[in-house]
Amino acid sequence: MKLVKDINKESVSKSQVSDKEAEEAIKKILTWIGEDPTREGLIETPKRVVKAFKEYFKGYSQNAESDLSKTFGDVEGYDDMVIEKNITLESHCEHHMAPIIGVAHVSYIPNKKVVGLSKLARTVEIFSKRLQTQERLTMQIAKTLMSALDARGVAVTIDAAHQCMTMRGIKKERATTVTNYFLGSFKEDLSIQNRYLKYIGH
């Protein structure tokens, strides 16, 4: 699946900007908003922000498909859906770099092999720790799981609040966005899709 390979190839590109250069950029932003980056409370802020950004966006240095490579074949013929619900999701929108906070629900139907449950949450984590749109994030998780697990079907649902919409702009603080992406059996068989949606409460 070419798209999946491209997704994961992008994730391992090396930054050409040093920590020091990034810290200088933060100082400029502090000055731009009207602050004094040399005052006591802000002297260490650029370093802290750079350190925080490394955590917020660590998905760029991780490869989800590689992380899913270890699977287990001793499933004794299990062929129904596996669902992992309410995976905490924290990302940032690519338009305003504002937080996206919500939950992801992930399901797949095995094809002779399963993956450790933590790997499903890990896949969500890797793609969410990048600048994102919710639509693309949903698709990236689904397509990577489908390809890496050679699954019979995959379903991904994300329900999240976008702080670019709740804290600024239109300021609708209770609004959330729901996205779904279905592949394989979940897309082809509405009874499977509906059963999944019932299980996750949508």
N, C-alpha and C. Protein backbone atom coordinates (compact mmCIF):
# COMPACT_ATOMS: atom_id res chain seq x y z
N MET A 1 0.85 -1.19 0.00
CA MET A 1 0.00 0.00 0.00
C MET A 1 0.88 1.24 0.00
N LYS A 2 0.97 1.94 -1.13
CA LYS A 2 1.94 3.02 -1.30
C LYS A 2 1.73 4.16 -0.31
N LEU A 3 0.44 4.52 -0.08
CA LEU A 3 0.16 5.62 0.83
C LEU A 3 0.72 5.35 2.22
N VAL A 4 0.54 4.13 2.70
CA VAL A 4 1.03 3.78 4.03
C VAL A 4 2.54 3.90 4.08
N LYS A 5 3.22 3.40 3.05
CA LYS A 5 4.68 3.49 3.03
C LYS A 5 5.13 4.94 3.02
N ASP A 6 4.44 5.80 2.27
CA ASP A 6 4.78 7.22 2.24
C ASP A 6 4.55 7.87 3.60
N ILE A 7 3.46 7.52 4.26
CA ILE A 7 3.15 8.03 5.59
C ILE A 7 4.30 7.74 6.55
N ASN A 8 4.76 6.51 6.53
CA ASN A 8 5.79 6.11 7.49
C ASN A 8 7.18 6.55 7.07
N LYS A 9 7.40 6.74 5.77
CA LYS A 9 8.69 7.26 5.31
C LYS A 9 8.87 8.69 5.79
N GLU A 10 7.80 9.49 5.72
CA GLU A 10 7.86 10.87 6.18
C GLU A 10 8.20 10.94 7.67
N SER A 11 7.78 9.95 8.42
CA SER A 11 7.91 10.01 9.87
C SER A 11 9.34 9.92 10.35
N VAL A 12 10.25 9.44 9.52
CA VAL A 12 11.63 9.25 9.99
C VAL A 12 12.59 10.29 9.41
N SER A 13 12.05 11.35 8.76
CA SER A 13 12.92 12.39 8.23
C SER A 13 13.57 13.16 9.38
N LYS A 14 14.82 13.58 9.19
CA LYS A 14 15.57 14.26 10.24
C LYS A 14 15.40 15.78 10.11
N SER A 15 15.23 16.45 11.23
CA SER A 15 15.12 17.90 11.23
C SER A 15 16.46 18.52 10.87
N GLN A 16 16.40 19.60 10.08
CA GLN A 16 17.62 20.31 9.72
C GLN A 16 17.79 21.57 10.59
N VAL A 17 16.95 21.72 11.60
CA VAL A 17 17.00 22.88 12.49
C VAL A 17 17.48 22.42 13.87
N SER A 18 18.46 23.13 14.42
CA SER A 18 19.00 22.75 15.72
C SER A 18 18.08 23.22 16.85
N ASP A 19 18.27 22.63 18.03
CA ASP A 19 17.52 23.08 19.21
C ASP A 19 17.76 24.57 19.46
N LYS A 20 19.01 25.00 19.30
CA LYS A 20 19.36 26.39 19.56
C LYS A 20 18.61 27.33 18.62
N GLU A 21 18.52 26.96 17.35
CA GLU A 21 17.79 27.78 16.38
C GLU A 21 16.31 27.83 16.73
N ALA A 22 15.76 26.69 17.17
CA ALA A 22 14.35 26.66 17.55
C ALA A 22 14.11 27.55 18.77
N GLU A 23 15.04 27.53 19.73
CA GLU A 23 14.92 28.37 20.92
C GLU A 23 14.94 29.85 20.55
N GLU A 24 15.78 30.23 19.59
CA GLU A 24 15.84 31.62 19.14
C GLU A 24 14.52 32.03 18.49
N ALA A 25 13.90 31.10 17.78
CA ALA A 25 12.60 31.40 17.16
C ALA A 25 11.53 31.64 18.22
N ILE A 26 11.57 30.86 19.30
CA ILE A 26 10.61 31.05 20.39
C ILE A 26 10.83 32.42 21.04
N LYS A 27 12.08 32.81 21.21
CA LYS A 27 12.38 34.14 21.77
C LYS A 27 11.76 35.24 20.91
N LYS A 28 11.84 35.08 19.60
CA LYS A 28 11.27 36.08 18.69
C LYS A 28 9.76 36.14 18.85
N ILE A 29 9.14 34.98 19.00
CA ILE A 29 7.68 34.96 19.18
C ILE A 29 7.30 35.63 20.49
N LEU A 30 8.06 35.38 21.56
CA LEU A 30 7.80 36.03 22.84
C LEU A 30 7.88 37.55 22.70
N THR A 31 8.88 38.01 21.97
CA THR A 31 9.01 39.45 21.73
C THR A 31 7.84 39.97 20.91
N TRP A 32 7.45 39.21 19.91
CA TRP A 32 6.35 39.60 19.01
C TRP A 32 5.03 39.77 19.75
N ILE A 33 4.76 38.92 20.75
CA ILE A 33 3.50 39.04 21.48
C ILE A 33 3.53 40.16 22.52
N GLY A 34 4.71 40.77 22.71
CA GLY A 34 4.82 41.90 23.64
C GLY A 34 5.52 41.57 24.94
N GLU A 35 6.18 40.41 25.00
CA GLU A 35 6.88 40.00 26.21
C GLU A 35 8.36 40.34 26.13
N ASP A 36 9.01 40.21 27.27
CA ASP A 36 10.46 40.39 27.37
C ASP A 36 11.08 39.03 27.66
N PRO A 37 11.69 38.38 26.66
CA PRO A 37 12.24 37.04 26.88
C PRO A 37 13.43 37.00 27.83
N THR A 38 13.93 38.18 28.24
CA THR A 38 15.07 38.20 29.17
C THR A 38 14.63 38.30 30.63
N ARG A 39 13.33 38.49 30.87
CA ARG A 39 12.90 38.59 32.27
C ARG A 39 12.97 37.21 32.94
N GLU A 40 13.06 37.23 34.26
CA GLU A 40 13.37 36.01 35.02
C GLU A 40 12.43 34.84 34.69
N GLY A 41 11.15 35.11 34.62
CA GLY A 41 10.19 34.02 34.42
C GLY A 41 10.22 33.41 33.02
N LEU A 42 10.87 34.10 32.07
CA LEU A 42 10.87 33.63 30.69
C LEU A 42 12.23 33.19 30.18
N ILE A 43 13.26 33.36 30.99
CA ILE A 43 14.61 33.04 30.51
C ILE A 43 14.71 31.58 30.03
N GLU A 44 14.13 30.65 30.76
CA GLU A 44 14.22 29.24 30.40
C GLU A 44 13.05 28.77 29.53
N THR A 45 12.11 29.67 29.25
CA THR A 45 10.92 29.27 28.47
C THR A 45 11.24 28.71 27.10
N PRO A 46 12.12 29.33 26.31
CA PRO A 46 12.41 28.75 24.99
C PRO A 46 12.89 27.30 25.06
N LYS A 47 13.75 26.98 26.04
CA LYS A 47 14.22 25.60 26.19
C LYS A 47 13.06 24.67 26.57
N ARG A 48 12.19 25.16 27.46
CA ARG A 48 11.05 24.35 27.89
C ARG A 48 10.10 24.10 26.73
N VAL A 49 9.87 25.12 25.91
CA VAL A 49 8.96 24.98 24.78
C VAL A 49 9.52 23.98 23.77
N VAL A 50 10.81 24.08 23.48
CA VAL A 50 11.44 23.14 22.56
C VAL A 50 11.33 21.71 23.09
N LYS A 51 11.57 21.54 24.38
CA LYS A 51 11.46 20.21 24.99
C LYS A 51 10.02 19.70 24.90
N ALA A 52 9.05 20.59 25.15
CA ALA A 52 7.64 20.20 25.06
C ALA A 52 7.27 19.83 23.63
N PHE A 53 7.75 20.61 22.66
CA PHE A 53 7.45 20.33 21.26
C PHE A 53 7.99 18.98 20.83
N LYS A 54 9.13 18.59 21.38
CA LYS A 54 9.68 17.27 21.06
C LYS A 54 8.73 16.17 21.51
N GLU A 55 8.03 16.42 22.61
CA GLU A 55 7.05 15.45 23.10
C GLU A 55 5.76 15.52 22.29
N TYR A 56 5.28 16.75 22.03
CA TYR A 56 4.04 16.91 21.27
C TYR A 56 4.12 16.29 19.89
N PHE A 57 5.30 16.39 19.26
CA PHE A 57 5.44 16.00 17.86
C PHE A 57 6.42 14.84 17.66
N LYS A 58 6.53 13.98 18.66
CA LYS A 58 7.48 12.87 18.57
C LYS A 58 7.10 11.84 17.51
N GLY A 59 5.88 11.91 17.01
CA GLY A 59 5.45 10.96 15.98
C GLY A 59 6.24 11.06 14.69
N TYR A 60 6.86 12.21 14.46
CA TYR A 60 7.66 12.36 13.24
C TYR A 60 8.91 11.49 13.25
N SER A 61 9.34 11.07 14.41
CA SER A 61 10.54 10.23 14.50
C SER A 61 10.20 8.76 14.75
N GLN A 62 8.91 8.40 14.60
CA GLN A 62 8.47 7.03 14.86
C GLN A 62 7.80 6.45 13.62
N ASN A 63 7.86 5.13 13.51
CA ASN A 63 7.32 4.43 12.35
C ASN A 63 6.27 3.43 12.82
N ALA A 64 5.02 3.73 12.52
CA ALA A 64 3.91 2.91 13.02
C ALA A 64 3.91 1.50 12.43
N GLU A 65 4.20 1.37 11.15
CA GLU A 65 4.15 0.05 10.51
C GLU A 65 5.22 -0.87 11.09
N SER A 66 6.39 -0.31 11.38
CA SER A 66 7.45 -1.09 12.01
C SER A 66 7.03 -1.54 13.40
N ASP A 67 6.34 -0.66 14.11
CA ASP A 67 5.90 -0.97 15.47
C ASP A 67 4.88 -2.10 15.49
N LEU A 68 4.15 -2.26 14.39
CA LEU A 68 3.11 -3.30 14.30
C LEU A 68 3.64 -4.61 13.73
N SER A 69 4.94 -4.68 13.48
CA SER A 69 5.49 -5.84 12.78
C SER A 69 5.45 -7.13 13.59
N LYS A 70 5.44 -7.03 14.92
CA LYS A 70 5.40 -8.23 15.75
C LYS A 70 3.94 -8.64 15.97
N THR A 71 3.57 -9.77 15.39
CA THR A 71 2.21 -10.27 15.51
C THR A 71 2.23 -11.70 16.07
N PHE A 72 1.06 -12.21 16.41
CA PHE A 72 0.93 -13.54 16.99
C PHE A 72 -0.05 -14.37 16.17
N GLY A 73 0.34 -15.60 15.85
CA GLY A 73 -0.50 -16.46 15.03
C GLY A 73 -1.29 -17.48 15.81
N ASP A 74 -1.04 -17.61 17.11
CA ASP A 74 -1.71 -18.64 17.91
C ASP A 74 -3.05 -18.14 18.45
N VAL A 75 -3.99 -17.91 17.52
CA VAL A 75 -5.29 -17.34 17.90
C VAL A 75 -6.41 -18.38 17.88
N GLU A 76 -6.06 -19.65 17.58
CA GLU A 76 -7.01 -20.76 17.59
C GLU A 76 -8.26 -20.48 16.76
N GLY A 77 -8.06 -19.83 15.63
CA GLY A 77 -9.16 -19.61 14.70
C GLY A 77 -10.03 -18.40 15.00
N TYR A 78 -9.65 -17.55 15.94
CA TYR A 78 -10.46 -16.37 16.25
C TYR A 78 -10.57 -15.49 15.01
N ASP A 79 -11.83 -15.18 14.61
CA ASP A 79 -12.03 -14.42 13.38
C ASP A 79 -13.09 -13.34 13.50
N ASP A 80 -13.39 -12.92 14.73
CA ASP A 80 -14.33 -11.83 14.93
C ASP A 80 -13.56 -10.55 15.21
N MET A 81 -14.29 -9.45 15.29
CA MET A 81 -13.61 -8.17 15.46
C MET A 81 -12.97 -8.03 16.84
N VAL A 82 -11.85 -7.33 16.86
CA VAL A 82 -11.18 -6.92 18.08
C VAL A 82 -11.38 -5.41 18.17
N ILE A 83 -11.90 -4.94 19.31
CA ILE A 83 -12.18 -3.52 19.46
C ILE A 83 -11.43 -2.97 20.67
N GLU A 84 -10.75 -1.86 20.46
CA GLU A 84 -10.14 -1.13 21.57
C GLU A 84 -10.79 0.25 21.62
N LYS A 85 -11.52 0.52 22.70
CA LYS A 85 -12.31 1.74 22.82
C LYS A 85 -11.61 2.77 23.70
N ASN A 86 -12.04 4.02 23.48
CA ASN A 86 -11.67 5.13 24.38
C ASN A 86 -10.16 5.30 24.56
N ILE A 87 -9.43 5.23 23.46
CA ILE A 87 -7.99 5.50 23.48
C ILE A 87 -7.80 7.02 23.54
N THR A 88 -7.19 7.50 24.61
CA THR A 88 -6.99 8.94 24.74
C THR A 88 -6.17 9.48 23.56
N LEU A 89 -6.65 10.57 23.00
CA LEU A 89 -5.98 11.15 21.83
C LEU A 89 -5.67 12.63 22.09
N GLU A 90 -4.42 12.99 21.90
CA GLU A 90 -3.99 14.39 22.01
C GLU A 90 -3.13 14.71 20.81
N SER A 91 -3.60 15.64 20.00
CA SER A 91 -2.87 16.02 18.79
C SER A 91 -2.88 17.54 18.67
N HIS A 92 -2.40 18.04 17.53
CA HIS A 92 -2.41 19.48 17.25
C HIS A 92 -2.84 19.69 15.80
N CYS A 93 -3.73 20.65 15.60
CA CYS A 93 -4.21 20.91 14.23
C CYS A 93 -3.12 21.62 13.43
N GLU A 94 -3.07 21.30 12.16
CA GLU A 94 -2.01 21.86 11.32
C GLU A 94 -2.29 23.31 10.91
N HIS A 95 -3.50 23.80 11.14
CA HIS A 95 -3.83 25.15 10.70
C HIS A 95 -3.48 26.21 11.73
N HIS A 96 -3.68 25.92 13.03
CA HIS A 96 -3.38 26.89 14.07
C HIS A 96 -2.43 26.34 15.14
N MET A 97 -2.02 25.08 14.99
CA MET A 97 -1.18 24.39 15.99
C MET A 97 -1.86 24.37 17.35
N ALA A 98 -3.19 24.37 17.36
CA ALA A 98 -3.96 24.30 18.60
C ALA A 98 -4.25 22.84 18.93
N PRO A 99 -4.41 22.52 20.21
CA PRO A 99 -4.65 21.12 20.59
C PRO A 99 -5.95 20.53 20.04
N ILE A 100 -5.89 19.25 19.73
CA ILE A 100 -7.05 18.42 19.43
C ILE A 100 -7.09 17.37 20.53
N ILE A 101 -8.19 17.31 21.27
CA ILE A 101 -8.26 16.42 22.42
C ILE A 101 -9.54 15.58 22.33
N GLY A 102 -9.38 14.27 22.42
CA GLY A 102 -10.55 13.41 22.34
C GLY A 102 -10.21 11.96 22.57
N VAL A 103 -10.98 11.08 21.93
CA VAL A 103 -10.75 9.64 22.04
C VAL A 103 -10.82 9.00 20.65
N ALA A 104 -10.11 7.89 20.53
CA ALA A 104 -10.17 7.08 19.31
C ALA A 104 -10.68 5.69 19.67
N HIS A 105 -11.47 5.12 18.77
CA HIS A 105 -11.91 3.73 18.87
C HIS A 105 -11.35 3.01 17.65
N VAL A 106 -10.72 1.87 17.87
CA VAL A 106 -10.05 1.14 16.79
C VAL A 106 -10.52 -0.31 16.81
N SER A 107 -10.81 -0.84 15.63
CA SER A 107 -11.21 -2.25 15.54
C SER A 107 -10.61 -2.87 14.28
N TYR A 108 -10.31 -4.16 14.37
CA TYR A 108 -9.88 -4.90 13.19
C TYR A 108 -10.38 -6.33 13.27
N ILE A 109 -10.52 -6.95 12.12
CA ILE A 109 -10.90 -8.36 12.06
C ILE A 109 -9.66 -9.12 11.60
N PRO A 110 -9.12 -9.99 12.46
CA PRO A 110 -7.85 -10.66 12.15
C PRO A 110 -7.95 -11.58 10.94
N ASN A 111 -6.83 -11.72 10.29
CA ASN A 111 -6.67 -12.67 9.20
C ASN A 111 -5.51 -13.59 9.56
N LYS A 112 -5.78 -14.52 10.49
CA LYS A 112 -4.80 -15.52 10.96
C LYS A 112 -3.75 -14.98 11.93
N LYS A 113 -3.73 -13.66 12.17
CA LYS A 113 -2.75 -13.16 13.13
C LYS A 113 -3.32 -11.94 13.85
N VAL A 114 -2.88 -11.79 15.11
CA VAL A 114 -3.31 -10.64 15.91
C VAL A 114 -2.07 -9.89 16.38
N VAL A 115 -2.32 -8.70 16.92
CA VAL A 115 -1.22 -7.87 17.42
C VAL A 115 -1.51 -7.54 18.88
N GLY A 116 -0.46 -7.30 19.65
CA GLY A 116 -0.65 -6.91 21.05
C GLY A 116 -1.53 -5.69 21.16
N LEU A 117 -2.43 -5.67 22.14
CA LEU A 117 -3.40 -4.59 22.26
C LEU A 117 -2.74 -3.23 22.43
N SER A 118 -1.60 -3.19 23.10
CA SER A 118 -0.93 -1.90 23.28
C SER A 118 -0.50 -1.29 21.95
N LYS A 119 -0.29 -2.14 20.94
CA LYS A 119 0.16 -1.65 19.64
C LYS A 119 -0.94 -0.85 18.93
N LEU A 120 -2.20 -1.17 19.21
CA LEU A 120 -3.29 -0.39 18.61
C LEU A 120 -3.27 1.03 19.15
N ALA A 121 -3.15 1.14 20.48
CA ALA A 121 -3.06 2.46 21.10
C ALA A 121 -1.79 3.18 20.65
N ARG A 122 -0.73 2.43 20.48
CA ARG A 122 0.55 3.00 20.05
C ARG A 122 0.44 3.60 18.64
N THR A 123 -0.29 2.94 17.77
CA THR A 123 -0.49 3.45 16.41
C THR A 123 -1.24 4.78 16.44
N VAL A 124 -2.27 4.85 17.28
CA VAL A 124 -2.99 6.12 17.45
C VAL A 124 -2.04 7.19 17.95
N GLU A 125 -1.20 6.84 18.91
CA GLU A 125 -0.26 7.79 19.51
C GLU A 125 0.73 8.32 18.48
N ILE A 126 1.29 7.43 17.67
CA ILE A 126 2.31 7.85 16.71
C ILE A 126 1.76 8.86 15.72
N PHE A 127 0.59 8.58 15.16
CA PHE A 127 0.04 9.51 14.16
C PHE A 127 -0.54 10.77 14.78
N SER A 128 -0.99 10.69 16.03
CA SER A 128 -1.55 11.88 16.67
C SER A 128 -0.46 12.86 17.08
N LYS A 129 0.77 12.36 17.29
CA LYS A 129 1.86 13.24 17.69
C LYS A 129 2.54 13.87 16.48
N ARG A 130 1.70 14.40 15.60
CA ARG A 130 2.14 15.15 14.42
C ARG A 130 1.10 16.25 14.19
N LEU A 131 1.43 17.24 13.40
CA LEU A 131 0.41 18.21 13.00
C LEU A 131 -0.60 17.48 12.13
N GLN A 132 -1.90 17.67 12.41
CA GLN A 132 -2.89 16.83 11.77
C GLN A 132 -4.16 17.59 11.41
N THR A 133 -4.92 16.98 10.50
CA THR A 133 -6.36 17.20 10.41
C THR A 133 -6.98 15.91 10.92
N GLN A 134 -8.16 16.01 11.50
CA GLN A 134 -8.77 14.80 12.07
C GLN A 134 -9.10 13.78 11.00
N GLU A 135 -9.50 14.27 9.83
CA GLU A 135 -9.84 13.36 8.74
C GLU A 135 -8.63 12.53 8.30
N ARG A 136 -7.49 13.20 8.13
CA ARG A 136 -6.29 12.49 7.70
C ARG A 136 -5.79 11.54 8.79
N LEU A 137 -5.85 11.99 10.03
CA LEU A 137 -5.43 11.16 11.15
C LEU A 137 -6.22 9.86 11.19
N THR A 138 -7.53 9.94 11.01
CA THR A 138 -8.39 8.76 11.02
C THR A 138 -7.98 7.79 9.92
N MET A 139 -7.74 8.33 8.72
CA MET A 139 -7.36 7.50 7.58
C MET A 139 -5.99 6.87 7.77
N GLN A 140 -5.03 7.63 8.30
CA GLN A 140 -3.67 7.10 8.47
C GLN A 140 -3.66 5.91 9.43
N ILE A 141 -4.38 6.03 10.53
CA ILE A 141 -4.45 4.93 11.49
C ILE A 141 -5.05 3.69 10.83
N ALA A 142 -6.17 3.88 10.13
CA ALA A 142 -6.87 2.75 9.52
C ALA A 142 -6.03 2.07 8.43
N LYS A 143 -5.45 2.84 7.55
CA LYS A 143 -4.70 2.26 6.43
C LYS A 143 -3.43 1.57 6.91
N THR A 144 -2.80 2.12 7.93
CA THR A 144 -1.60 1.48 8.46
C THR A 144 -1.93 0.15 9.12
N LEU A 145 -3.01 0.10 9.91
CA LEU A 145 -3.42 -1.16 10.55
C LEU A 145 -3.80 -2.19 9.50
N MET A 146 -4.53 -1.78 8.48
CA MET A 146 -4.96 -2.71 7.44
C MET A 146 -3.76 -3.33 6.73
N SER A 147 -2.79 -2.49 6.41
CA SER A 147 -1.61 -2.97 5.70
C SER A 147 -0.70 -3.82 6.58
N ALA A 148 -0.39 -3.31 7.78
CA ALA A 148 0.57 -3.99 8.64
C ALA A 148 0.05 -5.32 9.16
N LEU A 149 -1.26 -5.42 9.41
CA LEU A 149 -1.84 -6.64 9.98
C LEU A 149 -2.43 -7.56 8.93
N ASP A 150 -2.46 -7.10 7.67
CA ASP A 150 -3.12 -7.87 6.61
C ASP A 150 -4.52 -8.29 7.08
N ALA A 151 -5.22 -7.34 7.69
CA ALA A 151 -6.51 -7.62 8.32
C ALA A 151 -7.61 -7.80 7.29
N ARG A 152 -8.66 -8.50 7.71
CA ARG A 152 -9.85 -8.65 6.86
C ARG A 152 -10.66 -7.36 6.82
N GLY A 153 -10.49 -6.54 7.83
CA GLY A 153 -11.18 -5.26 7.87
C GLY A 153 -10.69 -4.42 9.03
N VAL A 154 -10.82 -3.10 8.89
CA VAL A 154 -10.41 -2.17 9.94
C VAL A 154 -11.44 -1.05 10.03
N ALA A 155 -11.72 -0.62 11.25
CA ALA A 155 -12.59 0.53 11.49
C ALA A 155 -11.92 1.45 12.50
N VAL A 156 -11.96 2.73 12.23
CA VAL A 156 -11.40 3.72 13.15
C VAL A 156 -12.40 4.87 13.30
N THR A 157 -12.67 5.25 14.53
CA THR A 157 -13.54 6.39 14.84
C THR A 157 -12.81 7.31 15.79
N ILE A 158 -12.85 8.60 15.50
CA ILE A 158 -12.28 9.60 16.39
C ILE A 158 -13.36 10.62 16.75
N ASP A 159 -13.46 10.93 18.04
CA ASP A 159 -14.39 11.93 18.54
C ASP A 159 -13.56 12.92 19.34
N ALA A 160 -13.43 14.15 18.84
CA ALA A 160 -12.47 15.08 19.45
C ALA A 160 -12.95 16.52 19.40
N ALA A 161 -12.45 17.30 20.36
CA ALA A 161 -12.68 18.74 20.39
C ALA A 161 -11.44 19.44 19.85
N HIS A 162 -11.66 20.43 19.01
CA HIS A 162 -10.57 21.20 18.40
C HIS A 162 -10.50 22.57 19.06
N GLN A 163 -9.40 22.83 19.73
CA GLN A 163 -9.30 24.09 20.45
C GLN A 163 -9.11 25.29 19.54
N CYS A 164 -8.82 25.05 18.27
CA CYS A 164 -8.82 26.15 17.30
C CYS A 164 -10.25 26.64 17.08
N MET A 165 -11.23 25.82 17.47
CA MET A 165 -12.64 26.19 17.33
C MET A 165 -13.30 26.49 18.67
N THR A 166 -12.79 25.90 19.75
CA THR A 166 -13.41 26.12 21.06
C THR A 166 -12.83 27.32 21.80
N MET A 167 -11.55 27.65 21.55
CA MET A 167 -10.89 28.73 22.28
C MET A 167 -10.71 29.99 21.46
N ARG A 168 -10.87 29.90 20.14
CA ARG A 168 -10.68 31.05 19.26
C ARG A 168 -11.73 30.97 18.16
N GLY A 169 -11.69 31.93 17.25
CA GLY A 169 -12.61 31.89 16.12
C GLY A 169 -14.06 31.90 16.56
N ILE A 170 -14.77 30.86 16.19
CA ILE A 170 -16.21 30.79 16.47
C ILE A 170 -16.51 30.51 17.93
N LYS A 171 -15.55 29.97 18.68
CA LYS A 171 -15.64 29.73 20.13
C LYS A 171 -16.88 28.94 20.54
N LYS A 172 -17.06 27.79 19.93
CA LYS A 172 -18.15 26.88 20.31
C LYS A 172 -17.56 25.81 21.22
N GLU A 173 -17.56 26.07 22.53
CA GLU A 173 -16.77 25.27 23.46
C GLU A 173 -17.26 23.84 23.64
N ARG A 174 -18.50 23.55 23.29
CA ARG A 174 -19.02 22.19 23.48
C ARG A 174 -18.99 21.36 22.20
N ALA A 175 -18.53 21.94 21.11
CA ALA A 175 -18.54 21.24 19.82
C ALA A 175 -17.44 20.18 19.76
N THR A 176 -17.80 19.01 19.27
CA THR A 176 -16.82 17.97 18.97
C THR A 176 -17.02 17.50 17.54
N THR A 177 -16.01 16.86 17.00
CA THR A 177 -16.05 16.35 15.63
C THR A 177 -15.87 14.85 15.66
N VAL A 178 -16.70 14.14 14.89
CA VAL A 178 -16.60 12.68 14.80
C VAL A 178 -16.24 12.30 13.37
N THR A 179 -15.21 11.48 13.22
CA THR A 179 -14.84 10.95 11.91
C THR A 179 -14.75 9.44 11.98
N ASN A 180 -15.13 8.79 10.89
CA ASN A 180 -15.05 7.33 10.77
C ASN A 180 -14.31 6.97 9.49
N TYR A 181 -13.57 5.86 9.54
CA TYR A 181 -12.98 5.33 8.30
C TYR A 181 -13.05 3.82 8.36
N PHE A 182 -13.62 3.23 7.31
CA PHE A 182 -13.84 1.79 7.25
C PHE A 182 -13.11 1.18 6.05
N LEU A 183 -12.50 0.03 6.28
CA LEU A 183 -11.82 -0.70 5.22
C LEU A 183 -12.21 -2.17 5.27
N GLY A 184 -12.14 -2.85 4.13
CA GLY A 184 -12.41 -4.28 4.09
C GLY A 184 -13.83 -4.62 4.52
N SER A 185 -13.96 -5.61 5.40
CA SER A 185 -15.27 -6.11 5.83
C SER A 185 -16.13 -5.03 6.45
N PHE A 186 -15.52 -4.08 7.15
CA PHE A 186 -16.30 -3.02 7.79
C PHE A 186 -16.95 -2.11 6.75
N LYS A 187 -16.31 -1.97 5.59
CA LYS A 187 -16.87 -1.13 4.53
C LYS A 187 -17.86 -1.90 3.67
N GLU A 188 -17.57 -3.19 3.45
CA GLU A 188 -18.37 -4.00 2.54
C GLU A 188 -19.64 -4.56 3.17
N ASP A 189 -19.64 -4.77 4.48
CA ASP A 189 -20.76 -5.42 5.16
C ASP A 189 -21.33 -4.47 6.21
N LEU A 190 -22.51 -3.91 5.92
CA LEU A 190 -23.11 -2.94 6.83
C LEU A 190 -23.49 -3.54 8.17
N SER A 191 -23.76 -4.84 8.22
CA SER A 191 -24.11 -5.46 9.49
C SER A 191 -22.89 -5.47 10.42
N ILE A 192 -21.70 -5.69 9.87
CA ILE A 192 -20.47 -5.63 10.66
C ILE A 192 -20.20 -4.20 11.10
N GLN A 193 -20.35 -3.27 10.17
CA GLN A 193 -20.14 -1.86 10.48
C GLN A 193 -21.09 -1.39 11.58
N ASN A 194 -22.37 -1.77 11.48
CA ASN A 194 -23.35 -1.34 12.47
C ASN A 194 -23.09 -1.97 13.84
N ARG A 195 -22.62 -3.21 13.84
CA ARG A 195 -22.30 -3.87 15.11
C ARG A 195 -21.13 -3.15 15.79
N TYR A 196 -20.14 -2.78 15.01
CA TYR A 196 -19.01 -2.02 15.54
C TYR A 196 -19.48 -0.69 16.14
N LEU A 197 -20.31 0.04 15.40
CA LEU A 197 -20.79 1.35 15.86
C LEU A 197 -21.62 1.20 17.14
N LYS A 198 -22.38 0.10 17.24
CA LYS A 198 -23.15 -0.15 18.46
C LYS A 198 -22.22 -0.40 19.64
N TYR A 199 -21.17 -1.19 19.42
CA TYR A 199 -20.24 -1.50 20.50
C TYR A 199 -19.54 -0.25 21.05
N ILE A 200 -19.21 0.69 20.15
CA ILE A 200 -18.48 1.89 20.60
C ILE A 200 -19.44 2.98 21.07
N GLY A 201 -20.74 2.75 20.91
CA GLY A 201 -21.72 3.70 21.41
C GLY A 201 -22.01 4.85 20.49
N HIS A 202 -21.84 4.65 19.16
CA HIS A 202 -22.14 5.70 18.18
C HIS A 202 -23.28 5.26 17.29
